């Protein structure tokens, strides 16, 4: 699965966020480090979300753009 992320250069390196996952962001000294860190942040975000949805009546829909 692919997620779009927004990478911004800062004085300390790079800040990166995933707009479709509110509050999911990370940073790194290099672009490569920041992208690796956001990958881990997205994985952890989704793990927590799945845990929170345990027992809920969940459906999936297909969207094409």
Protein backbone atom coordinates (compact mmCIF):
# COMPACT_ATOMS: atom_id res chain seq x y z
CA UNK A 1 0.00 0.00 0.00
CA UNK A 2 1.25 3.49 -0.78
CA UNK A 3 0.63 6.70 1.17
CA UNK A 4 1.39 10.21 -0.03
CA UNK A 5 3.66 12.10 2.33
CA UNK A 6 4.68 15.75 2.47
CA UNK A 7 8.39 16.41 2.93
CA UNK A 8 9.60 19.85 4.06
CA UNK A 9 13.15 21.07 4.49
CA UNK A 10 13.77 22.62 7.92
CA UNK A 11 16.76 24.13 9.72
CA UNK A 12 17.26 20.78 11.50
CA UNK A 13 16.80 18.54 8.44
CA UNK A 14 13.45 17.33 7.12
CA UNK A 15 9.93 17.21 8.49
CA UNK A 16 7.50 14.73 6.94
CA UNK A 17 3.80 14.08 7.42
CA UNK A 18 1.11 11.83 6.03
CA UNK A 19 -1.96 14.05 5.34
CA UNK A 20 -4.48 11.18 5.21
CA UNK A 21 -3.47 10.05 8.72
CA UNK A 22 -4.08 13.02 11.05
CA UNK A 23 -1.23 13.53 13.50
CA UNK A 24 1.09 11.12 11.69
CA UNK A 25 4.39 12.91 11.20
CA UNK A 26 8.10 12.43 11.73
CA UNK A 27 11.45 13.99 10.94
CA UNK A 28 15.03 13.17 10.09
CA UNK A 29 18.40 14.76 9.48
CA UNK A 30 18.32 13.64 5.82
CA UNK A 31 15.52 13.08 3.34
CA UNK A 32 16.24 9.34 3.39
CA UNK A 33 16.11 9.20 7.19
CA UNK A 34 12.88 11.21 7.30
CA UNK A 35 11.22 8.91 4.75
CA UNK A 36 12.31 5.84 6.72
CA UNK A 37 10.98 7.38 9.91
CA UNK A 38 7.58 8.23 8.39
CA UNK A 39 7.30 4.67 7.08
CA UNK A 40 7.72 3.41 10.65
CA UNK A 41 5.30 6.05 11.97
CA UNK A 42 2.64 5.01 9.43
CA UNK A 43 3.05 1.33 10.36
CA UNK A 44 2.69 2.12 14.06
CA UNK A 45 -0.27 4.44 13.41
CA UNK A 46 -2.09 1.68 11.50
CA UNK A 47 -1.33 -0.88 14.23
CA UNK A 48 -2.92 1.37 16.86
CA UNK A 49 -5.89 2.06 14.58
CA UNK A 50 -6.44 -1.68 14.04
CA UNK A 51 -6.27 -2.29 17.80
CA UNK A 52 -8.85 0.46 18.39
CA UNK A 53 -11.20 -1.06 15.82
CA UNK A 54 -11.23 -4.53 17.39
CA UNK A 55 -14.85 -5.63 17.71
CA UNK A 56 -16.20 -2.74 15.60
CA UNK A 57 -18.44 -3.31 12.58
CA UNK A 58 -15.92 -2.28 9.89
CA UNK A 59 -16.41 -2.21 6.12
CA UNK A 60 -14.06 -1.37 3.25
CA UNK A 61 -14.96 0.57 0.12
CA UNK A 62 -13.06 0.88 -3.14
CA UNK A 63 -12.36 4.41 -4.35
CA UNK A 64 -10.87 5.36 -7.69
CA UNK A 65 -9.69 8.81 -8.64
